[in-house]
Amino acid sequence: MAREDVERHYAEVARMVEAAEVDRRSGFNIVTETRAACTIEDRSEAFDIYEERLVEGIPKKALVASRGCGDPVSKARLRTGETVLDLGCGGGVDAIIASRLVGETGHVYGLDMTAAMLALAKENAETAGARNITYLEGLIEDIPLPDASVDVVLSNCVINFSDDREAVLREALRVLRPQGRFVVSDIVEFAPVPDSARDDVCAIVGTTNGMLAADDYVRILEEVGFSGARIEPKTVYTLDVLREKARRKGREERFERIAEADVDGKTGSVIVEAWR
């Protein structure tokens, strides 16, 4: 998927969230016609990912807009006073959680290339009372921050959209301070997916620019200069998990094409950690 297509997709997500209305059953329902006959809440995994205590008081729009696959902010063990960068911040849920964990003496930067999503993120931060967040418009391959300016780099299933993942990782290393840490959620291959099923699997799990093999992810981190790189599997995408993901996204036809393919358990969401 080209960068312009990614930006267009997330702008559409932001518009759908803003066009939603609250109802008692599902919280948010789309009032405009969408690709799938499911609620906008169904499309987001955020309601299943985060502990309830972390998202208490966070605007539901931030959760609904999330297209993350994990909870890197909890794994990052953020400390009071730290400076955090969230790559591809989307509607801002991770940035808001991080802002609470680093406290008034800390600061969070949320970076996104989609103006509509940034506008939504700013609205959500204001509603949540998060005053220590700065939102930046820009590319994750060219981060608009100085060298050694943050303690932690977070990202929630965004790096897989990049056409140049190595550039993203080099930029993350550049902006980290010495001993800074890189903690992201992403989707990888644990074993090779058959070529005939790859496009459909990627469409179902939301990695339309493909997936790195887990070993390749670690290798690239080490090549650009990170140390201690490791990957922790979070959710293995069995056929049952893929079926449910396809249902939520209205992509059942994609699943039917791979139901008999050798894809069971070969991909999944992970936490990737490394240190500067």
C-alpha atoms as a PDB file:
ATOM      1  CA  MET A   1       0.000   0.000   0.000  1.00  0.00           C
ATOM      2  CA  ALA A   2       1.436   3.362  -1.032  1.00  0.00           C
ATOM      3  CA  ARG A   3       1.906   6.082   1.561  1.00  0.00           C
ATOM      4  CA  GLU A   4      -0.904   8.106  -0.013  1.00  0.00           C
ATOM      5  CA  ASP A   5      -3.253   5.127   0.339  1.00  0.00           C
ATOM      6  CA  VAL A   6      -2.327   4.682   4.011  1.00  0.00           C
ATOM      7  CA  GLU A   7      -2.936   8.363   4.668  1.00  0.00           C
ATOM      8  CA  ARG A   8      -6.262   8.231   2.832  1.00  0.00           C
ATOM      9  CA  HIS A   9      -7.337   5.178   4.829  1.00  0.00           C
ATOM     10  CA  TYR A  10      -6.582   6.742   8.206  1.00  0.00           C
ATOM     11  CA  ALA A  11      -8.194  10.006   7.200  1.00  0.00           C
ATOM     12  CA  GLU A  12     -11.298   7.947   6.442  1.00  0.00           C
ATOM     13  CA  VAL A  13     -11.096   6.294   9.868  1.00  0.00           C
ATOM     14  CA  ALA A  14     -10.883   9.720  11.527  1.00  0.00           C
ATOM     15  CA  ARG A  15     -13.868  10.975   9.544  1.00  0.00           C
ATOM     16  CA  MET A  16     -15.897   7.878  10.452  1.00  0.00           C
ATOM     17  CA  VAL A  17     -15.176   8.408  14.131  1.00  0.00           C
ATOM     18  CA  GLU A  18     -16.200  12.056  13.932  1.00  0.00           C
ATOM     19  CA  ALA A  19     -19.373  11.046  12.067  1.00  0.00           C
ATOM     20  CA  ALA A  20     -20.343   8.478  14.689  1.00  0.00           C
ATOM     21  CA  GLU A  21     -23.183   8.860  17.124  1.00  0.00           C
ATOM     22  CA  VAL A  22     -23.473   7.383  20.589  1.00  0.00           C
ATOM     23  CA  ASP A  23     -26.062   4.721  21.284  1.00  0.00           C
ATOM     24  CA  ARG A  24     -26.707   2.695  24.411  1.00  0.00           C
ATOM     25  CA  ARG A  25     -25.890  -0.693  22.922  1.00  0.00           C
ATOM     26  CA  SER A  26     -22.532  -0.303  21.211  1.00  0.00           C
ATOM     27  CA  GLY A  27     -21.282   3.097  22.254  1.00  0.00           C
ATOM     28  CA  PHE A  28     -20.489   4.194  18.698  1.00  0.00           C
ATOM     29  CA  ASN A  29     -22.344   3.438  15.499  1.00  0.00           C
ATOM     30  CA  ILE A  30     -21.447   4.668  12.053  1.00  0.00           C
ATOM     31  CA  VAL A  31     -24.090   6.979  10.665  1.00  0.00           C
ATOM     32  CA  THR A  32     -22.504   7.021   7.229  1.00  0.00           C
ATOM     33  CA  GLU A  33     -22.348   3.982   4.967  1.00  0.00           C
ATOM     34  CA  THR A  34     -19.164   1.918   5.349  1.00  0.00           C
ATOM     35  CA  ARG A  35     -17.586  -1.121   3.721  1.00  0.00           C
ATOM     36  CA  ALA A  36     -18.836  -3.501   6.402  1.00  0.00           C
ATOM     37  CA  ALA A  37     -22.100  -3.793   8.248  1.00  0.00           C
ATOM     38  CA  CYS A  38     -20.484  -3.650  11.670  1.00  0.00           C
ATOM     39  CA  THR A  39     -20.128  -0.952  14.237  1.00  0.00           C
ATOM     40  CA  ILE A  40     -17.052   1.200  14.286  1.00  0.00           C
ATOM     41  CA  GLU A  41     -16.379  -0.152  17.766  1.00  0.00           C
ATOM     42  CA  ASP A  42     -16.175  -3.675  16.342  1.00  0.00           C
ATOM     43  CA  ARG A  43     -13.381  -2.591  14.021  1.00  0.00           C
ATOM     44  CA  SER A  44     -11.095  -1.491  16.832  1.00  0.00           C
ATOM     45  CA  GLU A  45      -9.275  -4.035  18.985  1.00  0.00           C
ATOM     46  CA  ALA A  46      -8.480  -1.401  21.599  1.00  0.00           C
ATOM     47  CA  PHE A  47     -11.427  -2.435  23.786  1.00  0.00           C
ATOM     48  CA  ASP A  48      -9.807  -5.865  24.208  1.00  0.00           C
ATOM     49  CA  ILE A  49      -6.147  -4.777  24.367  1.00  0.00           C
ATOM     50  CA  TYR A  50      -5.874  -2.393  27.300  1.00  0.00           C
ATOM     51  CA  GLU A  51      -6.485  -2.947  30.974  1.00  0.00           C
ATOM     52  CA  GLU A  52      -9.554  -1.021  32.025  1.00  0.00           C
ATOM     53  CA  ARG A  53      -7.608   1.037  34.563  1.00  0.00           C
ATOM     54  CA  LEU A  54      -5.356   2.402  31.793  1.00  0.00           C
ATOM     55  CA  VAL A  55      -8.165   3.745  29.629  1.00  0.00           C
ATOM     56  CA  GLU A  56     -10.469   4.996  32.370  1.00  0.00           C
ATOM     57  CA  GLY A  57     -11.538   8.517  31.470  1.00  0.00           C
ATOM     58  CA  ILE A  58     -10.031   8.401  27.988  1.00  0.00           C
ATOM     59  CA  PRO A  59     -12.501   9.553  25.312  1.00  0.00           C
ATOM     60  CA  LYS A  60     -14.133   6.652  23.568  1.00  0.00           C
ATOM     61  CA  LYS A  61     -13.263   8.287  20.248  1.00  0.00           C
ATOM     62  CA  ALA A  62      -9.589   7.643  20.969  1.00  0.00           C
ATOM     63  CA  LEU A  63     -10.246   3.940  21.496  1.00  0.00           C
ATOM     64  CA  VAL A  64     -12.558   3.635  18.525  1.00  0.00           C
ATOM     65  CA  ALA A  65     -10.008   5.272  16.224  1.00  0.00           C
ATOM     66  CA  SER A  66      -7.227   2.940  17.320  1.00  0.00           C
ATOM     67  CA  ARG A  67      -5.973   0.360  14.843  1.00  0.00           C
ATOM     68  CA  GLY A  68      -3.269  -0.924  17.169  1.00  0.00           C
ATOM     69  CA  CYS A  69      -2.532  -4.587  17.794  1.00  0.00           C
ATOM     70  CA  GLY A  70      -1.001  -4.379  21.277  1.00  0.00           C
ATOM     71  CA  ASP A  71      -0.212  -2.339  24.354  1.00  0.00           C
ATOM     72  CA  PRO A  72       3.411  -1.160  24.094  1.00  0.00           C
ATOM     73  CA  VAL A  73       2.873   1.661  26.576  1.00  0.00           C
ATOM     74  CA  SER A  74       2.405  -0.791  29.461  1.00  0.00           C
ATOM     75  CA  LYS A  75       5.449  -2.811  28.454  1.00  0.00           C
ATOM     76  CA  ALA A  76       7.612   0.324  28.289  1.00  0.00           C
ATOM     77  CA  ARG A  77       7.552   0.811  32.084  1.00  0.00           C
ATOM     78  CA  LEU A  78       7.389   4.580  31.739  1.00  0.00           C
ATOM     79  CA  ARG A  79       8.727   6.682  34.592  1.00  0.00           C
ATOM     80  CA  THR A  80       7.786  10.091  35.929  1.00  0.00           C
ATOM     81  CA  GLY A  81       9.553  12.877  34.062  1.00  0.00           C
ATOM     82  CA  GLU A  82      10.411  10.900  30.924  1.00  0.00           C
ATOM     83  CA  THR A  83       9.953  12.182  27.385  1.00  0.00           C
ATOM     84  CA  VAL A  84       8.107   9.815  25.064  1.00  0.00           C
ATOM     85  CA  LEU A  85       7.546   9.718  21.300  1.00  0.00           C
ATOM     86  CA  ASP A  86       4.587   7.788  19.862  1.00  0.00           C
ATOM     87  CA  LEU A  87       5.158   6.983  16.172  1.00  0.00           C
ATOM     88  CA  GLY A  88       1.897   6.971  14.219  1.00  0.00           C
ATOM     89  CA  CYS A  89      -0.156   8.151  17.170  1.00  0.00           C
ATOM     90  CA  GLY A  90      -3.527   7.950  15.438  1.00  0.00           C
ATOM     91  CA  GLY A  91      -6.394   9.079  17.645  1.00  0.00           C
ATOM     92  CA  GLY A  92      -4.049   9.391  20.599  1.00  0.00           C
ATOM     93  CA  VAL A  93      -4.936   6.590  23.001  1.00  0.00           C
ATOM     94  CA  ASP A  94      -1.330   5.511  23.652  1.00  0.00           C
ATOM     95  CA  ALA A  95      -0.147   9.112  23.894  1.00  0.00           C
ATOM     96  CA  ILE A  96      -2.803   9.905  26.503  1.00  0.00           C
ATOM     97  CA  ILE A  97      -1.951   6.817  28.567  1.00  0.00           C
ATOM     98  CA  ALA A  98       1.755   7.709  28.341  1.00  0.00           C
ATOM     99  CA  SER A  99       1.064  11.301  29.371  1.00  0.00           C
ATOM    100  CA  ARG A 100      -0.488  10.074  32.597  1.00  0.00           C
ATOM    101  CA  LEU A 101       2.384   7.718  33.357  1.00  0.00           C
ATOM    102  CA  VAL A 102       5.157  10.312  32.857  1.00  0.00           C
ATOM    103  CA  GLY A 103       3.267  12.918  34.867  1.00  0.00           C
ATOM    104  CA  GLU A 104       3.357  16.682  34.761  1.00  0.00           C
ATOM    105  CA  THR A 105       7.152  16.764  34.629  1.00  0.00           C
ATOM    106  CA  GLY A 106       7.237  14.443  31.628  1.00  0.00           C
ATOM    107  CA  HIS A 107       6.225  15.058  28.041  1.00  0.00           C
ATOM    108  CA  VAL A 108       4.790  13.084  25.137  1.00  0.00           C
ATOM    109  CA  TYR A 109       5.094  13.711  21.414  1.00  0.00           C
ATOM    110  CA  GLY A 110       2.527  12.151  19.113  1.00  0.00           C
ATOM    111  CA  LEU A 111       3.644  11.938  15.480  1.00  0.00           C
ATOM    112  CA  ASP A 112       1.277  11.228  12.608  1.00  0.00           C
ATOM    113  CA  MET A 113       1.175  12.075   8.909  1.00  0.00           C
ATOM    114  CA  THR A 114      -2.622  12.339   8.701  1.00  0.00           C
ATOM    115  CA  ALA A 115      -3.985  15.790   9.474  1.00  0.00           C
ATOM    116  CA  ALA A 116      -7.501  14.504  10.173  1.00  0.00           C
ATOM    117  CA  MET A 117      -6.196  11.963  12.681  1.00  0.00           C
ATOM    118  CA  LEU A 118      -4.034  14.591  14.392  1.00  0.00           C
ATOM    119  CA  ALA A 119      -7.049  16.865  14.748  1.00  0.00           C
ATOM    120  CA  LEU A 120      -8.941  13.994  16.376  1.00  0.00           C
ATOM    121  CA  ALA A 121      -5.974  13.221  18.654  1.00  0.00           C
ATOM    122  CA  LYS A 122      -5.761  16.851  19.812  1.00  0.00           C
ATOM    123  CA  GLU A 123      -9.489  16.874  20.550  1.00  0.00           C
ATOM    124  CA  ASN A 124      -9.181  13.633  22.538  1.00  0.00           C
ATOM    125  CA  ALA A 125      -6.203  14.944  24.528  1.00  0.00           C
ATOM    126  CA  GLU A 126      -8.061  18.115  25.398  1.00  0.00           C
ATOM    127  CA  THR A 127     -11.107  16.145  26.503  1.00  0.00           C
ATOM    128  CA  ALA A 128      -8.904  13.881  28.622  1.00  0.00           C
ATOM    129  CA  GLY A 129      -7.171  16.868  30.207  1.00  0.00           C
ATOM    130  CA  ALA A 130      -3.767  15.750  28.910  1.00  0.00           C
ATOM    131  CA  ARG A 131      -1.763  18.977  28.769  1.00  0.00           C
ATOM    132  CA  ASN A 132       1.692  17.463  28.393  1.00  0.00           C
ATOM    133  CA  ILE A 133       1.270  16.178  24.819  1.00  0.00           C
ATOM    134  CA  THR A 134       2.549  17.855  21.676  1.00  0.00           C
ATOM    135  CA  TYR A 135       1.234  16.527  18.381  1.00  0.00           C
ATOM    136  CA  LEU A 136       3.472  16.711  15.319  1.00  0.00           C
ATOM    137  CA  GLU A 137       2.593  16.246  11.665  1.00  0.00           C
ATOM    138  CA  GLY A 138       5.287  14.343   9.816  1.00  0.00           C
ATOM    139  CA  LEU A 139       6.672  11.009   8.656  1.00  0.00           C
ATOM    140  CA  ILE A 140       8.020   8.241  10.836  1.00  0.00           C
ATOM    141  CA  GLU A 141      10.881   7.899   8.334  1.00  0.00           C
ATOM    142  CA  ASP A 142      11.863  11.534   8.966  1.00  0.00           C
ATOM    143  CA  ILE A 143      11.012  12.389  12.572  1.00  0.00           C
ATOM    144  CA  PRO A 144      10.783  16.166  13.163  1.00  0.00           C
ATOM    145  CA  LEU A 145      12.687  16.106  16.461  1.00  0.00           C
ATOM    146  CA  PRO A 146      16.346  16.751  17.339  1.00  0.00           C
ATOM    147  CA  ASP A 147      18.910  14.048  18.027  1.00  0.00           C
ATOM    148  CA  ALA A 148      18.798  12.472  21.483  1.00  0.00           C
ATOM    149  CA  SER A 149      15.591  14.240  22.472  1.00  0.00           C
ATOM    150  CA  VAL A 150      13.417  11.432  23.905  1.00  0.00           C
ATOM    151  CA  ASP A 151      13.768   8.633  26.432  1.00  0.00           C
ATOM    152  CA  VAL A 152      11.294   6.190  24.907  1.00  0.00           C
ATOM    153  CA  VAL A 153       9.966   5.515  21.403  1.00  0.00           C
ATOM    154  CA  LEU A 154       6.586   3.781  21.227  1.00  0.00           C
ATOM    155  CA  SER A 155       4.523   2.626  18.264  1.00  0.00           C
ATOM    156  CA  ASN A 156       1.416   0.475  17.950  1.00  0.00           C
ATOM    157  CA  CYS A 157       1.307  -1.508  14.707  1.00  0.00           C
ATOM    158  CA  VAL A 158       2.381   1.372  12.468  1.00  0.00           C
ATOM    159  CA  ILE A 159       5.949   0.570  11.432  1.00  0.00           C
ATOM    160  CA  ASN A 160       4.673  -2.273   9.251  1.00  0.00           C
ATOM    161  CA  PHE A 161       3.017   0.320   6.990  1.00  0.00           C
ATOM    162  CA  SER A 162       6.325   1.941   6.077  1.00  0.00           C
ATOM    163  CA  ASP A 163       7.976   1.432   2.700  1.00  0.00           C
ATOM    164  CA  ASP A 164      11.353   1.841   4.438  1.00  0.00           C
ATOM    165  CA  ARG A 165      11.311   0.165   7.829  1.00  0.00           C
ATOM    166  CA  GLU A 166      15.075   0.471   8.179  1.00  0.00           C
ATOM    167  CA  ALA A 167      14.774   4.269   7.872  1.00  0.00           C
ATOM    168  CA  VAL A 168      12.135   4.274  10.626  1.00  0.00           C
ATOM    169  CA  LEU A 169      14.379   2.299  12.953  1.00  0.00           C
ATOM    170  CA  ARG A 170      17.378   4.530  12.185  1.00  0.00           C
ATOM    171  CA  GLU A 171      15.298   7.601  12.974  1.00  0.00           C
ATOM    172  CA  ALA A 172      14.041   6.041  16.199  1.00  0.00           C
ATOM    173  CA  LEU A 173      17.644   5.395  17.223  1.00  0.00           C
ATOM    174  CA  ARG A 174      18.650   8.954  16.307  1.00  0.00           C
ATOM    175  CA  VAL A 175      16.053  10.662  18.507  1.00  0.00           C
ATOM    176  CA  LEU A 176      16.631   8.384  21.503  1.00  0.00           C
ATOM    177  CA  ARG A 177      18.910   9.494  24.301  1.00  0.00           C
ATOM    178  CA  PRO A 178      21.681   7.175  25.488  1.00  0.00           C
ATOM    179  CA  GLN A 179      20.132   4.150  27.234  1.00  0.00           C
ATOM    180  CA  GLY A 180      16.813   5.114  25.687  1.00  0.00           C
ATOM    181  CA  ARG A 181      14.410   2.324  24.844  1.00  0.00           C
ATOM    182  CA  PHE A 182      12.387   1.322  21.810  1.00  0.00           C
ATOM    183  CA  VAL A 183       9.157  -0.508  22.668  1.00  0.00           C
ATOM    184  CA  VAL A 184       6.633  -1.155  19.917  1.00  0.00           C
ATOM    185  CA  SER A 185       3.820  -3.482  19.003  1.00  0.00           C
ATOM    186  CA  ASP A 186       3.951  -4.922  15.526  1.00  0.00           C
ATOM    187  CA  ILE A 187       2.925  -7.924  13.450  1.00  0.00           C
ATOM    188  CA  VAL A 188       5.494 -10.418  12.206  1.00  0.00           C
ATOM    189  CA  GLU A 189       5.844 -13.782  10.536  1.00  0.00           C
ATOM    190  CA  PHE A 190       6.925 -16.595  12.839  1.00  0.00           C
ATOM    191  CA  ALA A 191       7.185 -18.897   9.829  1.00  0.00           C
ATOM    192  CA  PRO A 192       6.874 -18.233   6.075  1.00  0.00           C
ATOM    193  CA  VAL A 193       3.344 -17.631   4.811  1.00  0.00           C
ATOM    194  CA  PRO A 194       2.617 -19.184   1.397  1.00  0.00           C
ATOM    195  CA  ASP A 195       2.887 -16.603  -1.388  1.00  0.00           C
ATOM    196  CA  SER A 196      -0.609 -17.478  -2.595  1.00  0.00           C
ATOM    197  CA  ALA A 197      -2.108 -16.512   0.779  1.00  0.00           C
ATOM    198  CA  ARG A 198       0.116 -13.584   1.689  1.00  0.00           C
ATOM    199  CA  ASP A 199      -2.022 -10.715   0.358  1.00  0.00           C
ATOM    200  CA  ASP A 200      -5.175 -12.031   2.004  1.00  0.00           C
ATOM    201  CA  VAL A 201      -3.467 -12.660   5.353  1.00  0.00           C
ATOM    202  CA  CYS A 202      -1.948  -9.173   5.297  1.00  0.00           C
ATOM    203  CA  ALA A 203      -5.319  -7.600   4.497  1.00  0.00           C
ATOM    204  CA  ILE A 204      -6.960  -9.459   7.370  1.00  0.00           C
ATOM    205  CA  VAL A 205      -4.331  -8.639  10.003  1.00  0.00           C
ATOM    206  CA  GLY A 206      -3.797  -5.065   8.784  1.00  0.00           C
ATOM    207  CA  THR A 207      -0.267  -5.167   7.418  1.00  0.00           C
ATOM    208  CA  THR A 208      -0.881  -4.111   3.852  1.00  0.00           C
ATOM    209  CA  ASN A 209       2.832  -3.517   3.295  1.00  0.00           C
ATOM    210  CA  GLY A 210       3.698  -7.060   4.279  1.00  0.00           C
ATOM    211  CA  MET A 211       5.328  -8.402   7.425  1.00  0.00           C
ATOM    212  CA  LEU A 212       8.903  -8.821   8.499  1.00  0.00           C
ATOM    213  CA  ALA A 213      10.040 -12.190   9.736  1.00  0.00           C
ATOM    214  CA  ALA A 214      10.692 -11.999  13.478  1.00  0.00           C
ATOM    215  CA  ASP A 215      14.384 -12.804  12.999  1.00  0.00           C
ATOM    216  CA  ASP A 216      14.719 -10.128  10.309  1.00  0.00           C
ATOM    217  CA  TYR A 217      13.199  -7.528  12.631  1.00  0.00           C
ATOM    218  CA  VAL A 218      15.863  -8.244  15.257  1.00  0.00           C
ATOM    219  CA  ARG A 219      18.599  -8.301  12.636  1.00  0.00           C
ATOM    220  CA  ILE A 220      17.668  -4.870  11.234  1.00  0.00           C
ATOM    221  CA  LEU A 221      17.468  -3.355  14.721  1.00  0.00           C
ATOM    222  CA  GLU A 222      20.965  -4.586  15.446  1.00  0.00           C
ATOM    223  CA  GLU A 223      22.293  -3.444  12.062  1.00  0.00           C
ATOM    224  CA  VAL A 224      21.101   0.138  12.580  1.00  0.00           C
ATOM    225  CA  GLY A 225      22.734   0.252  16.010  1.00  0.00           C
ATOM    226  CA  PHE A 226      20.259  -0.932  18.654  1.00  0.00           C
ATOM    227  CA  SER A 227      21.350  -3.381  21.333  1.00  0.00           C
ATOM    228  CA  GLY A 228      19.528  -6.088  23.238  1.00  0.00           C
ATOM    229  CA  ALA A 229      16.808  -6.434  20.608  1.00  0.00           C
ATOM    230  CA  ARG A 230      14.186  -9.032  21.439  1.00  0.00           C
ATOM    231  CA  ILE A 231      10.704 -10.035  20.399  1.00  0.00           C
ATOM    232  CA  GLU A 232       7.956 -11.242  22.718  1.00  0.00           C
ATOM    233  CA  PRO A 233       4.973 -12.944  21.036  1.00  0.00           C
ATOM    234  CA  LYS A 234       1.624 -11.623  22.280  1.00  0.00           C
ATOM    235  CA  THR A 235      -1.131 -13.105  20.085  1.00  0.00           C
ATOM    236  CA  VAL A 236      -0.549 -15.964  17.672  1.00  0.00           C
ATOM    237  CA  TYR A 237      -2.882 -15.665  14.710  1.00  0.00           C
ATOM    238  CA  THR A 238      -4.492 -19.067  14.506  1.00  0.00           C
ATOM    239  CA  LEU A 239      -7.201 -19.707  11.937  1.00  0.00           C
ATOM    240  CA  ASP A 240      -9.817 -18.884  14.573  1.00  0.00           C
ATOM    241  CA  VAL A 241      -8.148 -15.533  15.300  1.00  0.00           C
ATOM    242  CA  LEU A 242      -7.878 -14.759  11.580  1.00  0.00           C
ATOM    243  CA  ARG A 243     -11.544 -15.630  11.093  1.00  0.00           C
ATOM    244  CA  GLU A 244     -12.597 -13.221  13.847  1.00  0.00           C
ATOM    245  CA  LYS A 245     -10.366 -10.458  12.514  1.00  0.00           C
ATOM    246  CA  ALA A 246     -11.866 -10.906   9.058  1.00  0.00           C
ATOM    247  CA  ARG A 247     -15.374 -10.727  10.517  1.00  0.00           C
ATOM    248  CA  ARG A 248     -14.623  -7.523  12.402  1.00  0.00           C
ATOM    249  CA  LYS A 249     -13.213  -5.860   9.307  1.00  0.00           C
ATOM    250  CA  GLY A 250     -15.840  -7.120   6.875  1.00  0.00           C
ATOM    251  CA  ARG A 251     -13.235  -9.189   5.014  1.00  0.00           C
ATOM    252  CA  GLU A 252     -14.828 -12.629   5.244  1.00  0.00           C
ATOM    253  CA  GLU A 253     -14.141 -13.305   1.558  1.00  0.00           C
ATOM    254  CA  ARG A 254     -10.436 -12.885   2.247  1.00  0.00           C
ATOM    255  CA  PHE A 255     -10.620 -15.481   5.002  1.00  0.00           C
ATOM    256  CA  GLU A 256     -12.502 -17.961   2.835  1.00  0.00           C
ATOM    257  CA  ARG A 257      -9.640 -17.856   0.339  1.00  0.00           C
ATOM    258  CA  ILE A 258      -7.069 -18.817   3.003  1.00  0.00           C
ATOM    259  CA  ALA A 259      -9.165 -21.151   5.154  1.00  0.00           C
ATOM    260  CA  GLU A 260      -7.467 -24.217   3.665  1.00  0.00           C
ATOM    261  CA  ALA A 261      -4.014 -22.634   3.273  1.00  0.00           C
ATOM    262  CA  ASP A 262      -1.025 -23.344   5.499  1.00  0.00           C
ATOM    263  CA  VAL A 263      -1.304 -20.157   7.557  1.00  0.00           C
ATOM    264  CA  ASP A 264      -2.401 -21.372  10.982  1.00  0.00           C
ATOM    265  CA  GLY A 265      -0.182 -19.813  13.646  1.00  0.00           C
ATOM    266  CA  LYS A 266       2.407 -18.483  11.212  1.00  0.00           C
ATOM    267  CA  THR A 267       1.854 -14.809  12.033  1.00  0.00           C
ATOM    268  CA  GLY A 268       1.050 -12.835  15.127  1.00  0.00           C
ATOM    269  CA  SER A 269       1.330  -9.650  17.130  1.00  0.00           C
ATOM    270  CA  VAL A 270       4.466  -9.083  19.179  1.00  0.00           C
ATOM    271  CA  ILE A 271       6.191  -6.616  21.453  1.00  0.00           C
ATOM    272  CA  VAL A 272       9.535  -5.537  20.040  1.00  0.00           C
ATOM    273  CA  GLU A 273      12.078  -4.119  22.501  1.00  0.00           C
ATOM    274  CA  ALA A 274      15.549  -2.696  21.962  1.00  0.00           C
ATOM    275  CA  TRP A 275      17.901  -0.211  23.608  1.00  0.00           C
ATOM    276  CA  ARG A 276      20.100   2.596  22.367  1.00  0.00           C
END
